[in-house]
Amino acid sequence: MNTNKVYISLFSLTIILGLLGFMPNQDPDIKFVIPKGWPKPIYRFDGNTLTNSGFKLGRALFFDPILSRDSSISCSSCHLQFTGFTHVDHSLSHGINGLKGTRNSSTLFNLAWNTSFMWDGGVNHLEMQPINPITNPVEMDSKLEEVIQKLNHSPHYKKLFYKAFQDSVITSKHLFKALAQFTVMFESYNSKYDKVNRKEKGIKFTPEEQKGYTLFQNNCASCHTEPLFTNYALKNNGLPLDPELMDSGRMKITQNREDSLKFKIPSLRNIAVSAPYMHDGRFRNLDQVMAHYTDGIVDSPTLATELKQKIHLSIDDKKNLILFLNTLTDKEFLFDMRFRNYLYN
C-alpha cells in the first residue's frame, strides 16, 4: 500500500472524527472521586497534585512505546482499557522481542487504595511501580537513564513536561508522577453492583444475582472485601505449583518460607472481562475458577486459613455466583474516553 495514501487516510479520519465530536477532550475532567462509603485512599495526592496537563502527559507516556528499549512495547501493550487494563489474548505477559514473562498482567483500577503493587507485593508505591516493567528484561528491557535521554531529545515531550511541571528538563521523578496522575484516575465504581448499592431508581439484582451475592458474602467476602472486592493481602489460594514457572510468589521477595506461594489478592471488579485468571493466567473462564475453589485446593503449610475448610457449591450455586460477579462489570469505566489513546495530546 502506498505510504502517502495511508497518511492521507489517517489525516482524513482525524478530520472526520473531529467534525463528529470524537476528538479528545482538550480539558478532561480529572477530579478524583472517593465514592460514598469507601475507605480513605492510601495514595498521597498532596505530593502529586492532579492537573489536566499532568494527566494528559501521563496518558501520552502510557501509550508510547518510547519507554521500551527498542520502542516496541508500551504500558498499554499489556494493559487494555476494555478488559480492565489487563490483557486477554494469552496467559503470560509478552514483552520485547516477543519474550514471555512468568505472570499474567494485573488489572489496573482503584490504584489509589492499593497497599502494594505487583502479584508479589514487591512495590509499595504507585509512583515506583513503573520501574519494574520498564527495566524488566522480558518486558520493556530498558534503563531509566536511556528513557530519560530519549524523552529529553523529544521537543514534543519537553513541551508536555513543561506544561505539567513547569520544567522542560525531564527527570525520572516527573516521569513517574505523570504516569501516576494518569493511572490513579482509573476509578471503577459504576457497576450494576454499585448502582444497586446506591439504591439508584429502577436498578435491582435479579433473584439469581441476589442469590449469588449471598453466596459471595458467605464464601468469598473475607478476602474479596467490599467495596473494593479485595483486602490487598497476600495469600496462598491453594493453586498447585506450576512445574515450569516454579513461581513461589511473595517468597521470591522475602526469602521467607512462610511466604511460599502467596500472591496478592486481586479485586473482583470487572472480573467478567479480565480473563485469564490467577497470577499465571492458568484459568480461561470463571467456571474453571469455581472448580478450583470447590475441588482443586491443594493443602500446604501456607494455605490461607479461609480455604482450610472445603467450599461446597452446587451447579446452580456456581451459576448464580458467576451471575453476581457479572454485576461487577463497570462499562462506564471500561469505555471512558478519557483513558483512550489519542493521536494528539
Protein backbone atom coordinates (compact mmCIF):
# COMPACT_ATOMS: atom_id res chain seq x y z
CA MET A 1 0.00 0.00 0.00
CA ASN A 2 1.26 3.50 -0.84
CA THR A 3 2.55 5.15 2.38
CA ASN A 4 1.30 8.59 1.34
CA LYS A 5 -2.21 7.21 0.92
CA VAL A 6 -2.07 5.79 4.44
CA TYR A 7 -1.09 9.17 5.88
CA ILE A 8 -3.82 10.91 3.90
CA SER A 9 -6.38 8.38 5.11
CA LEU A 10 -5.35 8.85 8.74
CA PHE A 11 -5.50 12.62 8.37
CA SER A 12 -8.93 12.41 6.77
CA LEU A 13 -10.15 10.11 9.53
CA THR A 14 -8.89 12.57 12.15
CA ILE A 15 -10.79 15.43 10.47
CA ILE A 16 -13.99 13.36 10.23
CA LEU A 17 -13.81 12.31 13.88
CA GLY A 18 -13.27 15.91 14.87
CA LEU A 19 -16.35 17.03 12.92
CA LEU A 20 -18.39 14.26 14.56
CA GLY A 21 -17.27 15.30 18.02
CA PHE A 22 -14.98 12.34 18.72
CA MET A 23 -11.73 14.24 19.15
CA PRO A 24 -10.22 14.05 22.64
CA ASN A 25 -11.43 16.43 25.26
CA GLN A 26 -8.73 19.08 25.47
CA ASP A 27 -9.65 19.83 29.09
CA PRO A 28 -10.60 16.46 30.65
CA ASP A 29 -12.36 16.29 33.98
CA ILE A 30 -9.75 14.73 36.24
CA LYS A 31 -11.38 15.30 39.58
CA PHE A 32 -10.61 12.28 41.75
CA VAL A 33 -13.70 10.76 43.36
CA ILE A 34 -13.92 8.98 46.70
CA PRO A 35 -17.23 7.11 46.44
CA LYS A 36 -19.53 7.32 49.44
CA GLY A 37 -18.78 4.59 51.95
CA TRP A 38 -15.32 3.83 50.56
CA PRO A 39 -12.22 3.98 52.78
CA LYS A 40 -9.70 6.79 52.58
CA PRO A 41 -7.20 6.29 49.72
CA ILE A 42 -3.66 5.20 50.53
CA TYR A 43 -2.09 7.36 47.82
CA ARG A 44 -0.99 10.81 48.97
CA PHE A 45 -2.19 13.39 46.46
CA ASP A 46 -0.55 16.25 48.32
CA GLY A 47 2.76 15.12 46.86
CA ASN A 48 1.47 14.95 43.30
CA THR A 49 -1.35 17.38 42.66
CA LEU A 50 -3.59 16.28 39.80
CA THR A 51 -3.69 18.64 36.82
CA ASN A 52 -5.07 18.39 33.31
CA SER A 53 -1.60 18.75 31.83
CA GLY A 54 -0.14 16.10 34.13
CA PHE A 55 -2.95 13.70 33.32
CA LYS A 56 -2.55 14.21 29.57
CA LEU A 57 1.23 13.78 29.81
CA GLY A 58 0.74 10.54 31.73
CA ARG A 59 -1.70 9.35 29.09
CA ALA A 60 0.79 10.06 26.31
CA LEU A 61 3.51 8.16 28.15
CA PHE A 62 1.26 5.20 28.95
CA PHE A 63 0.57 4.58 25.28
CA ASP A 64 4.02 5.44 23.95
CA PRO A 65 6.48 2.57 23.23
CA ILE A 66 9.32 5.06 23.71
CA LEU A 67 9.59 3.72 27.27
CA SER A 68 10.91 0.38 25.97
CA ARG A 69 14.45 -0.31 24.75
CA ASP A 70 13.56 -0.57 21.06
CA SER A 71 10.35 1.48 21.17
CA SER A 72 8.18 -1.58 20.51
CA ILE A 73 6.35 -2.07 23.83
CA SER A 74 4.19 0.40 25.75
CA CYS A 75 2.34 0.12 29.06
CA SER A 76 -0.84 -0.34 27.04
CA SER A 77 0.60 -3.39 25.28
CA CYS A 78 -0.29 -5.44 28.36
CA HIS A 79 -2.94 -3.19 29.88
CA LEU A 80 -6.00 -2.71 27.65
CA GLN A 81 -8.81 -0.50 28.88
CA PHE A 82 -11.77 -2.59 27.74
CA THR A 83 -10.51 -5.58 29.75
CA GLY A 84 -9.92 -3.64 32.96
CA PHE A 85 -6.41 -2.64 31.86
CA THR A 86 -5.05 -6.15 31.55
CA HIS A 87 -4.52 -8.42 28.53
CA VAL A 88 -6.73 -11.32 27.47
CA ASP A 89 -5.05 -12.96 24.50
CA HIS A 90 -2.52 -15.09 26.38
CA SER A 91 -1.87 -16.45 29.86
CA LEU A 92 1.51 -14.80 30.46
CA SER A 93 2.58 -11.30 29.51
CA HIS A 94 4.67 -10.88 26.37
CA GLY A 95 7.35 -8.23 26.21
CA ILE A 96 10.14 -7.04 23.97
CA ASN A 97 11.05 -9.34 21.05
CA GLY A 98 8.04 -11.49 21.94
CA LEU A 99 9.70 -12.71 25.12
CA LYS A 100 7.30 -14.39 27.53
CA GLY A 101 7.14 -13.40 31.17
CA THR A 102 6.20 -15.55 34.13
CA ARG A 103 2.96 -13.87 35.19
CA ASN A 104 -0.35 -12.64 33.88
CA SER A 105 -0.60 -8.85 33.82
CA SER A 106 -2.57 -7.34 36.68
CA THR A 107 -5.73 -5.31 36.17
CA LEU A 108 -5.30 -1.60 36.81
CA PHE A 109 -8.03 0.30 38.61
CA ASN A 110 -8.72 1.85 42.01
CA LEU A 111 -4.95 2.06 42.41
CA ALA A 112 -5.17 4.84 44.99
CA TRP A 113 -6.32 2.24 47.52
CA ASN A 114 -3.56 -0.28 46.83
CA THR A 115 -1.21 -1.00 49.70
CA SER A 116 1.26 -2.74 47.37
CA PHE A 117 1.70 -3.50 43.68
CA MET A 118 2.69 -6.48 41.53
CA TRP A 119 1.50 -10.04 42.19
CA ASP A 120 4.13 -10.48 44.87
CA GLY A 121 3.67 -7.08 46.51
CA GLY A 122 7.22 -6.16 45.55
CA VAL A 123 6.43 -2.45 45.07
CA ASN A 124 4.81 -0.35 47.78
CA HIS A 125 4.16 2.95 45.98
CA LEU A 126 2.23 3.82 42.84
CA GLU A 127 4.93 6.18 41.59
CA MET A 128 7.58 3.47 41.86
CA GLN A 129 5.58 0.73 40.13
CA PRO A 130 6.62 1.62 36.53
CA ILE A 131 10.29 0.92 37.31
CA ASN A 132 9.64 -2.83 37.23
CA PRO A 133 8.16 -3.17 33.73
CA ILE A 134 10.47 -0.53 32.23
CA THR A 135 13.63 -2.29 33.43
CA ASN A 136 12.46 -5.93 33.33
CA PRO A 137 14.44 -7.76 30.59
CA VAL A 138 11.36 -9.67 29.38
CA GLU A 139 9.07 -6.62 29.43
CA MET A 140 10.41 -3.25 28.25
CA ASP A 141 14.09 -4.12 28.82
CA SER A 142 15.18 -0.51 29.12
CA LYS A 143 17.19 1.62 31.54
CA LEU A 144 15.82 4.72 33.21
CA GLU A 145 18.70 6.86 32.04
CA GLU A 146 18.08 5.77 28.44
CA VAL A 147 14.37 6.53 28.70
CA ILE A 148 15.04 9.97 30.17
CA GLN A 149 17.60 10.67 27.45
CA LYS A 150 15.10 9.78 24.70
CA LEU A 151 12.41 11.94 26.26
CA ASN A 152 14.78 14.89 26.64
CA HIS A 153 15.58 14.65 22.94
CA SER A 154 11.90 14.98 22.09
CA PRO A 155 10.65 18.58 21.57
CA HIS A 156 7.10 17.22 21.92
CA TYR A 157 7.73 15.76 25.37
CA LYS A 158 9.79 18.70 26.55
CA LYS A 159 6.75 20.86 25.81
CA LEU A 160 4.36 18.48 27.61
CA PHE A 161 6.62 18.15 30.68
CA TYR A 162 6.96 21.92 30.88
CA LYS A 163 3.17 22.31 30.83
CA ALA A 164 2.80 19.70 33.57
CA PHE A 165 5.70 20.57 35.86
CA GLN A 166 6.99 23.98 34.68
CA ASP A 167 10.33 22.36 33.87
CA SER A 168 11.42 21.30 30.39
CA VAL A 169 14.32 19.26 31.79
CA ILE A 170 12.75 15.81 32.05
CA THR A 171 13.54 13.72 35.12
CA SER A 172 12.52 10.24 36.27
CA LYS A 173 10.70 11.85 39.20
CA HIS A 174 8.40 13.78 36.88
CA LEU A 175 8.06 10.78 34.55
CA PHE A 176 6.69 8.65 37.38
CA LYS A 177 4.49 11.42 38.75
CA ALA A 178 2.91 11.93 35.32
CA LEU A 179 2.19 8.21 34.91
CA ALA A 180 0.69 8.19 38.40
CA GLN A 181 -1.57 11.16 37.59
CA PHE A 182 -2.99 9.19 34.66
CA THR A 183 -3.30 5.75 36.25
CA VAL A 184 -4.60 6.93 39.61
CA MET A 185 -7.66 8.15 37.74
CA PHE A 186 -8.55 4.58 36.70
CA GLU A 187 -11.51 4.52 39.08
CA SER A 188 -14.16 1.81 38.82
CA TYR A 189 -17.27 2.43 40.89
CA ASN A 190 -20.22 2.45 38.47
CA SER A 191 -21.07 -1.23 38.00
CA LYS A 192 -24.56 -2.59 38.46
CA TYR A 193 -23.49 -3.70 41.93
CA ASP A 194 -22.59 -0.09 42.79
CA LYS A 195 -25.85 1.25 41.43
CA VAL A 196 -27.86 -1.31 43.40
CA ASN A 197 -25.82 -0.47 46.47
CA ARG A 198 -26.59 3.23 45.93
CA LYS A 199 -30.26 2.33 45.54
CA GLU A 200 -30.49 4.03 42.16
CA LYS A 201 -34.02 4.11 40.81
CA GLY A 202 -35.09 1.11 38.74
CA ILE A 203 -31.90 -0.90 39.28
CA LYS A 204 -32.13 -4.14 41.23
CA PHE A 205 -30.45 -7.51 41.32
CA THR A 206 -32.30 -10.34 39.63
CA PRO A 207 -33.29 -13.17 42.02
CA GLU A 208 -30.35 -15.21 40.69
CA GLU A 209 -27.90 -12.33 41.17
CA GLN A 210 -29.18 -11.81 44.70
CA LYS A 211 -28.63 -15.50 45.47
CA GLY A 212 -25.14 -15.17 44.03
CA TYR A 213 -24.50 -12.13 46.21
CA THR A 214 -25.48 -14.07 49.30
CA LEU A 215 -23.18 -16.92 48.26
CA PHE A 216 -20.39 -14.40 47.71
CA GLN A 217 -20.83 -12.89 51.14
CA ASN A 218 -20.77 -16.34 52.75
CA ASN A 219 -17.83 -17.79 50.82
CA CYS A 220 -15.68 -15.06 49.26
CA ALA A 221 -16.03 -11.74 51.07
CA SER A 222 -13.40 -12.39 53.75
CA CYS A 223 -10.66 -11.97 51.13
CA HIS A 224 -12.52 -10.08 48.40
CA THR A 225 -13.84 -7.44 50.76
CA GLU A 226 -16.44 -4.91 49.63
CA PRO A 227 -16.49 -2.28 48.25
CA LEU A 228 -13.08 -2.72 46.61
CA PHE A 229 -13.55 -6.51 46.40
CA THR A 230 -10.08 -7.20 47.78
CA ASN A 231 -8.37 -6.74 51.12
CA TYR A 232 -5.00 -6.37 49.32
CA ALA A 233 -3.44 -9.13 51.42
CA LEU A 234 -1.06 -11.72 50.00
CA LYS A 235 -2.40 -15.26 50.39
CA ASN A 236 -1.83 -18.81 49.19
CA ASN A 237 -5.10 -19.70 47.47
CA GLY A 238 -4.31 -23.38 47.02
CA LEU A 239 -3.03 -23.41 43.46
CA PRO A 240 -0.61 -26.24 42.69
CA LEU A 241 2.89 -25.04 41.83
CA ASP A 242 3.47 -24.79 38.08
CA PRO A 243 6.46 -27.10 37.46
CA GLU A 244 7.73 -24.96 34.56
CA LEU A 245 7.36 -21.50 36.09
CA MET A 246 8.30 -22.56 39.65
CA ASP A 247 6.86 -19.26 40.90
CA SER A 248 6.96 -19.15 44.69
CA GLY A 249 5.25 -15.75 44.85
CA ARG A 250 5.98 -13.47 47.79
CA MET A 251 8.81 -15.76 48.93
CA LYS A 252 10.87 -14.54 45.96
CA ILE A 253 10.88 -11.12 47.63
CA THR A 254 11.26 -12.04 51.29
CA GLN A 255 13.12 -15.39 51.05
CA ASN A 256 10.84 -16.45 53.90
CA ARG A 257 9.28 -19.92 53.60
CA GLU A 258 6.18 -18.65 55.36
CA ASP A 259 5.51 -16.56 52.23
CA SER A 260 5.69 -19.52 49.85
CA LEU A 261 3.01 -19.45 47.14
CA LYS A 262 1.47 -16.26 48.48
CA PHE A 263 0.19 -13.82 45.86
CA LYS A 264 -1.72 -10.57 46.08
CA ILE A 265 -5.49 -10.97 46.24
CA PRO A 266 -6.85 -9.25 43.12
CA SER A 267 -10.02 -7.20 43.02
CA LEU A 268 -13.02 -8.99 41.54
CA ARG A 269 -14.30 -5.83 39.91
CA ASN A 270 -14.57 -6.24 36.12
CA ILE A 271 -13.69 -9.90 36.52
CA ALA A 272 -16.11 -10.97 33.79
CA VAL A 273 -13.98 -9.20 31.16
CA SER A 274 -10.46 -9.78 32.52
CA ALA A 275 -9.77 -13.48 31.85
CA PRO A 276 -7.45 -15.37 32.04
CA TYR A 277 -7.33 -15.66 35.82
CA MET A 278 -4.75 -16.18 38.58
CA HIS A 279 -1.16 -14.90 38.70
CA ASP A 280 -0.16 -17.18 35.85
CA GLY A 281 -3.37 -16.97 33.82
CA ARG A 282 -3.98 -20.71 34.11
CA PHE A 283 -7.79 -20.46 34.13
CA ARG A 284 -9.54 -19.35 30.96
CA ASN A 285 -13.01 -18.81 32.42
CA LEU A 286 -14.92 -18.41 35.67
CA ASP A 287 -16.22 -21.98 35.54
CA GLN A 288 -12.63 -23.18 35.95
CA VAL A 289 -12.13 -20.75 38.82
CA MET A 290 -15.20 -22.13 40.58
CA ALA A 291 -13.97 -25.69 40.06
CA HIS A 292 -10.65 -24.77 41.66
CA TYR A 293 -12.21 -23.36 44.82
CA THR A 294 -14.59 -26.27 45.30
CA ASP A 295 -12.45 -29.21 44.16
CA GLY A 296 -8.91 -28.06 43.32
CA ILE A 297 -7.47 -26.62 46.53
CA VAL A 298 -4.02 -28.01 47.33
CA ASP A 299 -3.28 -28.06 51.06
CA SER A 300 0.09 -26.79 52.20
CA PRO A 301 1.61 -25.15 55.30
CA THR A 302 0.96 -21.66 53.93
CA LEU A 303 -2.58 -22.23 52.61
CA ALA A 304 -4.90 -19.36 53.54
CA THR A 305 -6.88 -20.18 56.67
CA GLU A 306 -10.05 -19.10 54.84
CA LEU A 307 -9.60 -22.07 52.49
CA LYS A 308 -8.80 -24.76 55.04
CA GLN A 309 -12.45 -25.78 55.10
CA LYS A 310 -13.87 -27.15 51.86
CA ILE A 311 -16.26 -24.90 49.96
CA HIS A 312 -19.45 -26.62 48.82
CA LEU A 313 -21.26 -25.13 45.84
CA SER A 314 -23.90 -26.81 43.69
CA ILE A 315 -24.06 -26.31 39.93
CA ASP A 316 -26.81 -23.73 40.43
CA ASP A 317 -24.78 -22.04 43.18
CA LYS A 318 -21.85 -21.61 40.81
CA LYS A 319 -24.10 -20.21 38.07
CA ASN A 320 -25.67 -17.72 40.47
CA LEU A 321 -22.32 -16.70 41.89
CA ILE A 322 -21.00 -16.01 38.38
CA LEU A 323 -24.15 -14.01 37.61
CA PHE A 324 -23.39 -11.85 40.64
CA LEU A 325 -19.77 -11.43 39.59
CA ASN A 326 -21.05 -10.16 36.24
CA THR A 327 -22.70 -7.27 38.11
CA LEU A 328 -19.21 -6.01 38.99
CA THR A 329 -18.54 -5.04 35.37
CA ASP A 330 -18.24 -1.26 35.09
CA LYS A 331 -18.88 -0.34 31.46
CA GLU A 332 -18.61 3.37 32.18
CA PHE A 333 -15.02 2.79 33.29
CA LEU A 334 -14.16 0.32 30.54
CA PHE A 335 -15.26 2.76 27.83
CA ASP A 336 -14.34 6.07 29.47
CA MET A 337 -12.98 8.20 26.61
CA ARG A 338 -10.54 9.99 28.92
CA PHE A 339 -8.40 6.86 29.02
CA ARG A 340 -8.22 6.29 25.28
CA ASN A 341 -5.08 6.62 23.19
CA TYR A 342 -5.23 9.81 21.17
CA LEU A 343 -3.14 10.87 18.18
CA TYR A 344 -2.76 14.30 19.73
CA ASN A 345 -2.38 15.16 23.40
